[in-house]
N, C-alpha and C. Protein backbone atom coordinates (compact mmCIF):
# COMPACT_ATOMS: atom_id res chain seq x y z
N UNK A 1 -165.99 35.95 -35.51
CA UNK A 1 -166.14 36.48 -36.85
C UNK A 1 -166.35 35.32 -37.84
N UNK A 2 -167.15 35.56 -38.85
CA UNK A 2 -167.44 34.56 -39.87
C UNK A 2 -166.21 34.27 -40.72
N UNK A 3 -166.02 33.00 -41.06
CA UNK A 3 -164.91 32.64 -41.93
C UNK A 3 -165.10 33.29 -43.29
N UNK A 4 -163.99 33.68 -43.92
CA UNK A 4 -164.08 34.36 -45.22
C UNK A 4 -164.84 33.53 -46.23
N UNK A 5 -164.62 32.22 -46.28
CA UNK A 5 -165.30 31.37 -47.26
C UNK A 5 -166.82 31.44 -47.10
N UNK A 6 -167.30 31.70 -45.89
CA UNK A 6 -168.74 31.81 -45.65
C UNK A 6 -169.27 33.20 -46.02
N UNK A 7 -168.37 34.12 -46.33
CA UNK A 7 -168.77 35.48 -46.66
C UNK A 7 -168.75 35.76 -48.16
N UNK A 8 -168.33 34.77 -48.94
CA UNK A 8 -168.21 34.97 -50.38
C UNK A 8 -169.01 33.91 -51.13
N UNK A 9 -169.89 34.35 -52.01
CA UNK A 9 -170.64 33.45 -52.88
C UNK A 9 -170.39 33.86 -54.32
N UNK A 10 -169.72 32.99 -55.08
CA UNK A 10 -169.48 33.28 -56.50
C UNK A 10 -170.80 33.11 -57.24
N UNK A 11 -171.21 34.15 -57.97
CA UNK A 11 -172.48 34.14 -58.69
C UNK A 11 -172.28 33.77 -60.16
N UNK A 12 -171.22 34.33 -60.78
CA UNK A 12 -170.99 34.10 -62.20
C UNK A 12 -169.52 34.30 -62.53
N UNK A 13 -169.02 33.51 -63.45
CA UNK A 13 -167.64 33.65 -63.94
C UNK A 13 -167.68 33.65 -65.46
N UNK A 14 -167.13 34.70 -66.05
CA UNK A 14 -167.04 34.80 -67.51
C UNK A 14 -165.58 34.85 -67.92
N UNK A 15 -165.20 34.08 -68.92
CA UNK A 15 -163.86 34.15 -69.47
C UNK A 15 -163.82 35.30 -70.46
N UNK A 16 -162.98 36.30 -70.19
CA UNK A 16 -162.83 37.44 -71.08
C UNK A 16 -161.73 37.20 -72.10
N UNK A 17 -160.69 36.49 -71.69
CA UNK A 17 -159.58 36.18 -72.58
C UNK A 17 -158.84 34.97 -72.03
N UNK A 18 -158.41 34.10 -72.93
CA UNK A 18 -157.58 32.98 -72.55
C UNK A 18 -156.54 32.78 -73.64
N UNK A 19 -155.86 33.87 -73.94
CA UNK A 19 -154.86 33.87 -75.00
C UNK A 19 -153.48 33.63 -74.42
N UNK A 20 -152.92 34.65 -73.77
CA UNK A 20 -151.61 34.50 -73.13
C UNK A 20 -151.77 33.80 -71.79
N UNK A 21 -152.66 34.37 -70.95
CA UNK A 21 -153.06 33.76 -69.69
C UNK A 21 -154.57 33.90 -69.57
N UNK A 22 -155.15 33.64 -68.40
CA UNK A 22 -156.60 33.62 -68.22
C UNK A 22 -157.09 34.89 -67.54
N UNK A 23 -157.99 35.60 -68.22
CA UNK A 23 -158.62 36.79 -67.65
C UNK A 23 -160.11 36.50 -67.51
N UNK A 24 -160.61 36.59 -66.27
CA UNK A 24 -162.00 36.30 -65.99
C UNK A 24 -162.69 37.51 -65.35
N UNK A 25 -163.99 37.62 -65.62
CA UNK A 25 -164.84 38.59 -64.93
C UNK A 25 -165.68 37.78 -63.95
N UNK A 26 -165.52 38.07 -62.67
CA UNK A 26 -166.20 37.29 -61.62
C UNK A 26 -167.18 38.19 -60.89
N UNK A 27 -168.43 37.74 -60.85
CA UNK A 27 -169.47 38.42 -60.07
C UNK A 27 -169.68 37.61 -58.81
N UNK A 28 -169.69 38.28 -57.66
CA UNK A 28 -169.83 37.57 -56.40
C UNK A 28 -170.60 38.42 -55.39
N UNK A 29 -171.19 37.75 -54.43
CA UNK A 29 -171.83 38.42 -53.30
C UNK A 29 -170.87 38.33 -52.12
N UNK A 30 -170.72 39.47 -51.43
CA UNK A 30 -169.80 39.53 -50.29
C UNK A 30 -170.56 40.02 -49.06
N UNK A 31 -170.45 39.26 -47.96
CA UNK A 31 -171.10 39.63 -46.71
C UNK A 31 -170.25 40.67 -46.00
N UNK A 32 -170.74 41.90 -45.93
CA UNK A 32 -170.00 42.99 -45.30
C UNK A 32 -170.05 42.87 -43.77
N UNK A 33 -169.19 43.61 -43.11
CA UNK A 33 -169.12 43.55 -41.65
C UNK A 33 -170.42 43.97 -40.98
N UNK A 34 -171.20 44.82 -41.66
CA UNK A 34 -172.47 45.27 -41.07
C UNK A 34 -173.61 44.27 -41.26
N UNK A 35 -173.33 43.12 -41.90
CA UNK A 35 -174.33 42.08 -42.09
C UNK A 35 -175.04 42.13 -43.42
N UNK A 36 -174.79 43.14 -44.23
CA UNK A 36 -175.44 43.25 -45.54
C UNK A 36 -174.62 42.51 -46.60
N UNK A 37 -175.35 41.86 -47.51
CA UNK A 37 -174.70 41.26 -48.67
C UNK A 37 -174.58 42.30 -49.76
N UNK A 38 -173.43 42.34 -50.40
CA UNK A 38 -173.21 43.31 -51.47
C UNK A 38 -172.73 42.58 -52.71
N UNK A 39 -173.35 42.86 -53.86
CA UNK A 39 -172.92 42.27 -55.14
C UNK A 39 -171.75 43.09 -55.69
N UNK A 40 -170.68 42.40 -56.06
CA UNK A 40 -169.50 43.06 -56.61
C UNK A 40 -169.04 42.31 -57.87
N UNK A 41 -168.32 43.01 -58.72
CA UNK A 41 -167.74 42.42 -59.92
C UNK A 41 -166.29 42.82 -60.01
N UNK A 42 -165.42 41.84 -60.30
CA UNK A 42 -163.99 42.10 -60.45
C UNK A 42 -163.46 41.32 -61.63
N UNK A 43 -162.43 41.88 -62.26
CA UNK A 43 -161.68 41.13 -63.26
C UNK A 43 -160.47 40.53 -62.57
N UNK A 44 -160.22 39.25 -62.84
CA UNK A 44 -159.13 38.52 -62.18
C UNK A 44 -158.24 37.92 -63.26
N UNK A 45 -156.96 38.22 -63.19
CA UNK A 45 -155.99 37.73 -64.16
C UNK A 45 -155.20 36.60 -63.52
N UNK A 46 -155.25 35.42 -64.13
CA UNK A 46 -154.56 34.25 -63.59
C UNK A 46 -153.45 33.84 -64.54
N UNK A 47 -152.21 34.06 -64.10
CA UNK A 47 -151.07 33.67 -64.92
C UNK A 47 -150.26 32.57 -64.25
N UNK A 48 -150.79 32.03 -63.15
CA UNK A 48 -150.08 31.01 -62.40
C UNK A 48 -149.16 31.63 -61.36
N UNK A 49 -148.61 30.80 -60.51
CA UNK A 49 -147.68 31.26 -59.49
C UNK A 49 -146.26 31.22 -60.03
N UNK A 50 -145.36 31.94 -59.36
CA UNK A 50 -144.00 32.02 -59.86
C UNK A 50 -142.97 32.01 -58.75
N UNK A 51 -141.73 32.20 -59.16
CA UNK A 51 -140.62 32.24 -58.22
C UNK A 51 -139.59 33.24 -58.72
N UNK A 52 -138.86 33.82 -57.78
CA UNK A 52 -137.81 34.79 -58.10
C UNK A 52 -136.62 34.50 -57.20
N UNK A 53 -135.41 34.84 -57.70
CA UNK A 53 -134.21 34.53 -56.92
C UNK A 53 -133.17 35.64 -57.06
N UNK A 54 -132.54 35.96 -55.94
CA UNK A 54 -131.40 36.87 -55.93
C UNK A 54 -130.15 36.01 -55.82
N UNK A 55 -129.32 36.04 -56.87
CA UNK A 55 -128.03 35.37 -56.84
C UNK A 55 -127.01 36.36 -56.29
N UNK A 56 -126.26 35.93 -55.28
CA UNK A 56 -125.29 36.84 -54.67
C UNK A 56 -123.97 36.13 -54.41
N UNK A 57 -122.90 36.91 -54.50
CA UNK A 57 -121.56 36.41 -54.22
C UNK A 57 -121.06 37.21 -53.01
N UNK A 58 -121.03 36.54 -51.87
CA UNK A 58 -120.68 37.21 -50.62
C UNK A 58 -119.25 37.76 -50.66
N UNK A 59 -118.31 36.99 -51.17
CA UNK A 59 -116.91 37.41 -51.17
C UNK A 59 -116.68 38.61 -52.08
N UNK A 60 -117.32 38.60 -53.25
CA UNK A 60 -117.14 39.70 -54.21
C UNK A 60 -118.12 40.85 -53.97
N UNK A 61 -119.11 40.64 -53.10
CA UNK A 61 -120.17 41.63 -52.81
C UNK A 61 -120.92 42.02 -54.09
N UNK A 62 -121.27 40.99 -54.89
CA UNK A 62 -121.98 41.23 -56.14
C UNK A 62 -123.29 40.47 -56.19
N UNK A 63 -124.15 40.91 -57.11
CA UNK A 63 -125.42 40.24 -57.39
C UNK A 63 -125.54 40.09 -58.90
N UNK A 64 -126.32 39.10 -59.31
CA UNK A 64 -126.59 38.89 -60.73
C UNK A 64 -128.03 39.30 -61.01
N UNK A 65 -128.18 40.22 -61.95
CA UNK A 65 -129.49 40.70 -62.36
C UNK A 65 -129.61 40.53 -63.87
N UNK A 66 -130.79 40.81 -64.40
CA UNK A 66 -131.00 40.77 -65.84
C UNK A 66 -131.68 42.07 -66.28
N UNK A 67 -131.57 42.35 -67.56
CA UNK A 67 -132.30 43.48 -68.14
C UNK A 67 -133.06 42.93 -69.35
N UNK A 68 -134.39 43.21 -69.38
CA UNK A 68 -135.18 42.73 -70.50
C UNK A 68 -136.33 43.68 -70.78
N UNK A 69 -136.87 43.59 -71.99
CA UNK A 69 -137.99 44.43 -72.39
C UNK A 69 -139.29 43.88 -71.84
N UNK A 70 -140.10 44.77 -71.26
CA UNK A 70 -141.41 44.41 -70.72
C UNK A 70 -142.46 45.34 -71.32
N UNK A 71 -143.31 44.80 -72.19
CA UNK A 71 -144.31 45.61 -72.88
C UNK A 71 -145.26 46.35 -71.93
N UNK A 72 -145.82 45.71 -70.88
CA UNK A 72 -146.75 46.45 -70.03
C UNK A 72 -146.15 47.73 -69.42
N UNK A 73 -144.89 47.70 -69.01
CA UNK A 73 -144.31 48.92 -68.44
C UNK A 73 -143.99 49.93 -69.54
N UNK A 74 -143.71 49.44 -70.75
CA UNK A 74 -143.47 50.34 -71.88
C UNK A 74 -144.73 51.14 -72.19
N UNK A 75 -145.89 50.46 -72.25
CA UNK A 75 -147.13 51.19 -72.56
C UNK A 75 -147.59 52.06 -71.40
N UNK A 76 -146.93 51.93 -70.23
CA UNK A 76 -147.23 52.78 -69.08
C UNK A 76 -146.21 53.91 -68.94
N UNK A 77 -145.43 54.18 -69.98
CA UNK A 77 -144.55 55.33 -69.97
C UNK A 77 -143.09 55.08 -69.66
N UNK A 78 -142.71 53.87 -69.32
CA UNK A 78 -141.32 53.51 -69.05
C UNK A 78 -140.65 53.16 -70.38
N UNK A 79 -139.33 53.15 -70.43
CA UNK A 79 -138.67 52.75 -71.69
C UNK A 79 -138.80 51.25 -71.96
N UNK A 80 -139.31 50.51 -70.98
CA UNK A 80 -139.60 49.09 -71.17
C UNK A 80 -138.49 48.15 -70.77
N UNK A 81 -137.27 48.66 -70.61
CA UNK A 81 -136.14 47.79 -70.23
C UNK A 81 -136.03 47.77 -68.72
N UNK A 82 -136.46 46.67 -68.13
CA UNK A 82 -136.46 46.55 -66.66
C UNK A 82 -135.26 45.74 -66.20
N UNK A 83 -134.67 46.19 -65.10
CA UNK A 83 -133.61 45.43 -64.43
C UNK A 83 -134.29 44.59 -63.36
N UNK A 84 -134.04 43.28 -63.41
CA UNK A 84 -134.77 42.35 -62.56
C UNK A 84 -133.86 41.22 -62.05
N UNK A 85 -134.32 40.57 -60.99
CA UNK A 85 -133.74 39.30 -60.59
C UNK A 85 -134.28 38.22 -61.53
N UNK A 86 -133.64 37.08 -61.57
CA UNK A 86 -134.16 35.96 -62.37
C UNK A 86 -135.48 35.50 -61.76
N UNK A 87 -136.44 35.20 -62.63
CA UNK A 87 -137.76 34.80 -62.16
C UNK A 87 -138.51 34.08 -63.27
N UNK A 88 -139.55 33.36 -62.88
CA UNK A 88 -140.37 32.69 -63.88
C UNK A 88 -141.56 32.01 -63.24
N UNK A 89 -142.47 31.58 -64.09
CA UNK A 89 -143.66 30.88 -63.62
C UNK A 89 -143.32 29.44 -63.26
N UNK A 90 -144.06 28.88 -62.31
CA UNK A 90 -143.80 27.52 -61.85
C UNK A 90 -144.18 26.48 -62.90
N UNK A 91 -145.24 26.69 -63.62
CA UNK A 91 -145.69 25.78 -64.66
C UNK A 91 -145.74 24.34 -64.18
N UNK A 92 -146.28 24.14 -62.97
CA UNK A 92 -146.46 22.80 -62.43
C UNK A 92 -145.28 22.23 -61.67
N UNK A 93 -144.15 22.90 -61.71
CA UNK A 93 -142.95 22.40 -61.01
C UNK A 93 -142.94 22.90 -59.57
N UNK A 94 -142.16 22.23 -58.73
CA UNK A 94 -141.95 22.69 -57.36
C UNK A 94 -141.15 24.01 -57.43
N UNK A 95 -141.46 24.97 -56.57
CA UNK A 95 -140.78 26.27 -56.63
C UNK A 95 -139.25 26.16 -56.60
N UNK A 96 -138.70 25.30 -55.75
CA UNK A 96 -137.24 25.18 -55.62
C UNK A 96 -136.60 24.68 -56.92
N UNK A 97 -137.23 23.70 -57.56
CA UNK A 97 -136.68 23.18 -58.81
C UNK A 97 -136.83 24.20 -59.94
N UNK A 98 -138.00 24.81 -60.00
CA UNK A 98 -138.26 25.76 -61.09
C UNK A 98 -137.30 26.95 -61.02
N UNK A 99 -137.02 27.44 -59.80
CA UNK A 99 -136.17 28.63 -59.72
C UNK A 99 -134.72 28.28 -60.04
N UNK A 100 -134.28 27.07 -59.73
CA UNK A 100 -132.92 26.65 -60.14
C UNK A 100 -132.82 26.64 -61.66
N UNK A 101 -133.83 26.06 -62.32
CA UNK A 101 -133.83 26.02 -63.79
C UNK A 101 -133.90 27.42 -64.38
N UNK A 102 -134.76 28.25 -63.82
CA UNK A 102 -134.93 29.61 -64.34
C UNK A 102 -133.65 30.43 -64.17
N UNK A 103 -132.99 30.29 -63.04
CA UNK A 103 -131.73 31.02 -62.81
C UNK A 103 -130.71 30.65 -63.87
N UNK A 104 -130.61 29.36 -64.18
CA UNK A 104 -129.64 28.92 -65.18
C UNK A 104 -130.02 29.40 -66.58
N UNK A 105 -131.30 29.28 -66.94
CA UNK A 105 -131.75 29.73 -68.26
C UNK A 105 -131.50 31.23 -68.46
N UNK A 106 -131.81 32.02 -67.43
CA UNK A 106 -131.74 33.47 -67.59
C UNK A 106 -130.35 34.04 -67.37
N UNK A 107 -129.62 33.51 -66.40
CA UNK A 107 -128.33 34.12 -66.03
C UNK A 107 -127.12 33.31 -66.46
N UNK A 108 -127.31 32.02 -66.72
CA UNK A 108 -126.18 31.15 -67.04
C UNK A 108 -125.49 30.57 -65.83
N UNK A 109 -125.98 30.89 -64.62
CA UNK A 109 -125.39 30.35 -63.39
C UNK A 109 -126.21 29.16 -62.90
N UNK A 110 -125.53 28.05 -62.62
CA UNK A 110 -126.18 26.87 -62.07
C UNK A 110 -125.99 26.88 -60.55
N UNK A 111 -127.11 26.96 -59.85
CA UNK A 111 -127.06 26.95 -58.39
C UNK A 111 -127.78 25.71 -57.89
N UNK A 112 -127.23 25.11 -56.85
CA UNK A 112 -127.82 23.89 -56.30
C UNK A 112 -128.55 24.16 -54.99
N UNK A 113 -127.93 24.94 -54.14
CA UNK A 113 -128.53 25.24 -52.83
C UNK A 113 -129.26 26.56 -52.91
N UNK A 114 -130.60 26.50 -52.86
CA UNK A 114 -131.40 27.72 -52.84
C UNK A 114 -132.11 27.79 -51.50
N UNK A 115 -132.30 28.99 -51.01
CA UNK A 115 -132.97 29.18 -49.72
C UNK A 115 -134.21 30.03 -49.94
N UNK A 116 -135.37 29.47 -49.56
CA UNK A 116 -136.61 30.23 -49.65
C UNK A 116 -136.67 31.21 -48.50
N UNK A 117 -136.97 32.48 -48.82
CA UNK A 117 -136.96 33.50 -47.77
C UNK A 117 -138.34 34.07 -47.46
N UNK A 118 -139.26 34.05 -48.42
CA UNK A 118 -140.64 34.47 -48.14
C UNK A 118 -141.50 34.23 -49.38
N UNK A 119 -142.80 34.46 -49.23
CA UNK A 119 -143.78 34.41 -50.31
C UNK A 119 -144.57 35.70 -50.27
N UNK A 120 -145.08 36.14 -51.44
CA UNK A 120 -145.88 37.36 -51.46
C UNK A 120 -146.79 37.39 -52.68
N UNK A 121 -147.97 37.97 -52.50
CA UNK A 121 -148.86 38.27 -53.62
C UNK A 121 -148.43 39.63 -54.17
N UNK A 122 -148.21 39.70 -55.48
CA UNK A 122 -147.60 40.89 -56.05
C UNK A 122 -148.61 41.98 -56.41
N UNK A 123 -149.81 41.63 -56.79
CA UNK A 123 -150.83 42.62 -57.15
C UNK A 123 -152.20 42.03 -56.83
N UNK A 124 -152.51 41.88 -55.53
CA UNK A 124 -153.68 41.11 -55.12
C UNK A 124 -155.03 41.72 -55.48
N UNK A 125 -155.04 42.96 -55.95
CA UNK A 125 -156.30 43.55 -56.35
C UNK A 125 -156.81 43.02 -57.68
N UNK A 126 -155.93 42.41 -58.48
CA UNK A 126 -156.38 41.94 -59.80
C UNK A 126 -155.68 40.68 -60.30
N UNK A 127 -154.56 40.30 -59.71
CA UNK A 127 -153.77 39.18 -60.22
C UNK A 127 -153.68 38.09 -59.14
N UNK A 128 -153.89 36.83 -59.54
CA UNK A 128 -153.86 35.72 -58.58
C UNK A 128 -152.45 35.31 -58.17
N UNK A 129 -151.45 35.70 -58.94
CA UNK A 129 -150.08 35.20 -58.77
C UNK A 129 -149.50 35.40 -57.37
N UNK A 130 -148.94 34.30 -56.84
CA UNK A 130 -148.14 34.34 -55.62
C UNK A 130 -146.71 34.00 -56.02
N UNK A 131 -145.75 34.80 -55.55
CA UNK A 131 -144.35 34.55 -55.85
C UNK A 131 -143.65 33.93 -54.66
N UNK A 132 -142.78 32.97 -54.93
CA UNK A 132 -141.91 32.36 -53.94
C UNK A 132 -140.54 33.01 -54.14
N UNK A 133 -140.00 33.59 -53.09
CA UNK A 133 -138.75 34.34 -53.17
C UNK A 133 -137.59 33.52 -52.59
N UNK A 134 -136.48 33.50 -53.34
CA UNK A 134 -135.31 32.70 -52.97
C UNK A 134 -134.05 33.55 -53.04
N UNK A 135 -133.01 33.05 -52.37
CA UNK A 135 -131.66 33.57 -52.52
C UNK A 135 -130.74 32.37 -52.72
N UNK A 136 -129.60 32.62 -53.37
CA UNK A 136 -128.60 31.56 -53.54
C UNK A 136 -127.25 32.20 -53.81
N UNK A 137 -126.21 31.59 -53.27
CA UNK A 137 -124.86 32.07 -53.54
C UNK A 137 -124.35 31.49 -54.86
N UNK A 138 -123.57 32.30 -55.56
CA UNK A 138 -122.94 31.85 -56.80
C UNK A 138 -121.48 32.25 -56.76
N UNK A 139 -120.68 31.62 -57.62
CA UNK A 139 -119.29 32.03 -57.81
C UNK A 139 -118.92 31.78 -59.26
N UNK A 140 -117.70 32.03 -59.65
CA UNK A 140 -117.28 31.90 -61.04
C UNK A 140 -117.47 30.47 -61.55
N UNK A 141 -117.30 29.48 -60.66
CA UNK A 141 -117.45 28.08 -61.08
C UNK A 141 -118.91 27.72 -61.37
N UNK A 142 -119.84 28.56 -60.91
CA UNK A 142 -121.26 28.31 -61.14
C UNK A 142 -121.69 28.65 -62.56
N UNK A 143 -120.88 29.40 -63.28
CA UNK A 143 -121.22 29.86 -64.63
C UNK A 143 -121.09 28.69 -65.61
N UNK A 144 -122.23 28.29 -66.22
CA UNK A 144 -122.23 27.16 -67.15
C UNK A 144 -122.64 27.55 -68.56
N UNK A 145 -123.16 28.78 -68.73
CA UNK A 145 -123.55 29.25 -70.06
C UNK A 145 -123.63 30.78 -70.03
N UNK A 146 -123.94 31.35 -71.17
CA UNK A 146 -124.08 32.81 -71.25
C UNK A 146 -125.42 33.29 -70.70
N UNK A 147 -126.38 32.39 -70.52
CA UNK A 147 -127.70 32.80 -70.06
C UNK A 147 -128.44 33.54 -71.16
N UNK A 148 -129.31 34.45 -70.77
CA UNK A 148 -130.05 35.24 -71.75
C UNK A 148 -131.46 34.76 -72.02
N UNK A 149 -131.85 33.64 -71.40
CA UNK A 149 -133.21 33.14 -71.59
C UNK A 149 -133.31 32.16 -72.73
N UNK A 150 -134.54 31.72 -72.97
CA UNK A 150 -134.81 30.72 -73.99
C UNK A 150 -135.41 31.37 -75.23
N UNK A 151 -134.83 31.07 -76.38
CA UNK A 151 -135.31 31.61 -77.65
C UNK A 151 -136.77 31.24 -77.89
N UNK A 152 -137.14 29.98 -77.58
CA UNK A 152 -138.52 29.55 -77.83
C UNK A 152 -139.54 30.25 -76.94
N UNK A 153 -139.07 30.88 -75.87
CA UNK A 153 -139.96 31.66 -75.01
C UNK A 153 -139.85 33.15 -75.33
N UNK A 154 -139.24 33.46 -76.48
CA UNK A 154 -139.03 34.84 -76.96
C UNK A 154 -138.28 35.70 -75.95
N UNK A 155 -137.43 35.07 -75.14
CA UNK A 155 -136.66 35.82 -74.15
C UNK A 155 -135.37 36.35 -74.78
N UNK A 156 -135.01 37.54 -74.39
CA UNK A 156 -133.76 38.16 -74.82
C UNK A 156 -133.29 39.02 -73.65
N UNK A 157 -132.52 38.41 -72.77
CA UNK A 157 -132.10 39.07 -71.54
C UNK A 157 -130.62 39.39 -71.57
N UNK A 158 -130.29 40.53 -71.04
CA UNK A 158 -128.90 40.91 -70.82
C UNK A 158 -128.56 40.55 -69.37
N UNK A 159 -127.48 39.82 -69.17
CA UNK A 159 -127.08 39.43 -67.82
C UNK A 159 -126.16 40.50 -67.25
N UNK A 160 -126.47 40.94 -66.03
CA UNK A 160 -125.72 41.99 -65.36
C UNK A 160 -125.13 41.45 -64.06
N UNK A 161 -123.86 41.68 -63.83
CA UNK A 161 -123.27 41.37 -62.54
C UNK A 161 -122.83 42.70 -61.93
N UNK A 162 -123.52 43.10 -60.89
CA UNK A 162 -123.29 44.40 -60.27
C UNK A 162 -122.84 44.23 -58.83
N UNK A 163 -122.06 45.20 -58.37
CA UNK A 163 -121.78 45.26 -56.94
C UNK A 163 -123.10 45.52 -56.22
N UNK A 164 -123.28 44.91 -55.06
CA UNK A 164 -124.52 45.05 -54.32
C UNK A 164 -124.82 46.52 -54.02
N UNK A 165 -123.80 47.28 -53.63
CA UNK A 165 -124.01 48.70 -53.34
C UNK A 165 -124.49 49.46 -54.57
N UNK A 166 -123.99 49.07 -55.74
CA UNK A 166 -124.42 49.69 -56.99
C UNK A 166 -125.89 49.37 -57.27
N UNK A 167 -126.30 48.14 -57.01
CA UNK A 167 -127.70 47.75 -57.21
C UNK A 167 -128.62 48.52 -56.26
N UNK A 168 -128.21 48.67 -55.00
CA UNK A 168 -129.02 49.45 -54.05
C UNK A 168 -129.12 50.90 -54.49
N UNK A 169 -128.03 51.47 -54.96
CA UNK A 169 -128.04 52.86 -55.42
C UNK A 169 -128.95 53.00 -56.65
N UNK A 170 -128.93 52.01 -57.54
CA UNK A 170 -129.79 52.06 -58.72
C UNK A 170 -131.26 52.01 -58.32
N UNK A 171 -131.59 51.23 -57.31
CA UNK A 171 -132.96 51.20 -56.79
C UNK A 171 -133.32 52.57 -56.21
N UNK A 172 -132.44 53.15 -55.44
CA UNK A 172 -132.72 54.44 -54.81
C UNK A 172 -132.86 55.56 -55.83
N UNK A 173 -132.17 55.44 -56.97
CA UNK A 173 -132.29 56.44 -58.05
C UNK A 173 -133.51 56.19 -58.93
N UNK A 174 -134.19 55.06 -58.72
CA UNK A 174 -135.35 54.73 -59.54
C UNK A 174 -135.02 53.95 -60.79
N UNK A 175 -133.77 53.55 -60.97
CA UNK A 175 -133.40 52.76 -62.15
C UNK A 175 -133.86 51.32 -62.03
N UNK A 176 -133.91 50.80 -60.82
CA UNK A 176 -134.51 49.49 -60.57
C UNK A 176 -135.89 49.77 -59.98
N UNK A 177 -136.92 49.44 -60.75
CA UNK A 177 -138.29 49.72 -60.29
C UNK A 177 -139.19 48.50 -60.38
N UNK A 178 -138.59 47.33 -60.45
CA UNK A 178 -139.33 46.07 -60.45
C UNK A 178 -139.52 45.62 -59.00
N UNK A 179 -140.77 45.36 -58.62
CA UNK A 179 -141.09 45.08 -57.21
C UNK A 179 -140.35 43.87 -56.65
N UNK A 180 -140.32 42.77 -57.39
CA UNK A 180 -139.67 41.55 -56.84
C UNK A 180 -138.18 41.78 -56.62
N UNK A 181 -137.56 42.56 -57.50
CA UNK A 181 -136.14 42.86 -57.37
C UNK A 181 -135.89 43.76 -56.18
N UNK A 182 -136.70 44.78 -56.03
CA UNK A 182 -136.58 45.68 -54.88
C UNK A 182 -136.74 44.90 -53.58
N UNK A 183 -137.73 44.00 -53.54
CA UNK A 183 -137.98 43.23 -52.31
C UNK A 183 -136.78 42.36 -51.95
N UNK A 184 -136.17 41.71 -52.95
CA UNK A 184 -135.03 40.85 -52.65
C UNK A 184 -133.79 41.67 -52.30
N UNK A 185 -133.58 42.81 -52.94
CA UNK A 185 -132.45 43.67 -52.56
C UNK A 185 -132.62 44.18 -51.13
N UNK A 186 -133.84 44.56 -50.79
CA UNK A 186 -134.10 45.02 -49.41
C UNK A 186 -133.91 43.87 -48.42
N UNK A 187 -134.34 42.66 -48.79
CA UNK A 187 -134.12 41.51 -47.92
C UNK A 187 -132.62 41.33 -47.67
N UNK A 188 -131.83 41.42 -48.75
CA UNK A 188 -130.38 41.26 -48.61
C UNK A 188 -129.80 42.31 -47.69
N UNK A 189 -130.24 43.55 -47.82
CA UNK A 189 -129.74 44.63 -46.97
C UNK A 189 -130.16 44.44 -45.52
N UNK A 190 -131.43 44.11 -45.30
CA UNK A 190 -131.95 43.97 -43.94
C UNK A 190 -131.34 42.78 -43.20
N UNK A 191 -130.97 41.75 -43.96
CA UNK A 191 -130.42 40.54 -43.35
C UNK A 191 -128.91 40.42 -43.46
N UNK A 192 -128.27 41.51 -43.86
CA UNK A 192 -126.79 41.59 -43.89
C UNK A 192 -126.17 40.39 -44.63
N UNK A 193 -126.68 40.10 -45.82
CA UNK A 193 -126.17 38.94 -46.56
C UNK A 193 -124.69 39.05 -46.89
N UNK A 194 -124.19 40.28 -46.95
CA UNK A 194 -122.79 40.45 -47.37
C UNK A 194 -121.84 40.60 -46.19
N UNK A 195 -122.36 40.48 -44.98
CA UNK A 195 -121.49 40.51 -43.81
C UNK A 195 -120.95 39.11 -43.56
N UNK A 196 -119.72 38.99 -43.22
CA UNK A 196 -119.09 37.67 -42.99
C UNK A 196 -119.65 37.00 -41.77
């Protein structure tokens, strides 16, 4: 079979917006399996890659989550307040360092040992972003601030410490509907993170 790179020819790239992040309209020719070339056009949103982390306390059987307003889900019919794990864009940093900083900024917990558990593209039909997923244990001594995010980044997060079972039940009821959070909660359940 032909390598994918040999099946794609970029014909034109137009910048549609470069305000918050980069939105491009890309026209390309794609070699189909039947041997025909087909011209296609797609809009591609590039906001950079990111990282997400589930903070968990094995002894207390708790997790740390946040609640914050998200405009895109609000305009799609949700109340806009999403319950999420700590996460953020890499902005040129190594994923491990960035997620430690992001966890502290958002939750107030300083974690040193983080474990990468997987990577995933979150919306590959239109968004370039790849997320690096992490887990880390925390305890009361890890708390160094109130968290809540950075004022200069217009963040206003509520920090939540929930029992793991409560978080799973909230996902099953549809109260947690953020994909990265669901994925990390399922990872924790599948890998028995709370078993001794």
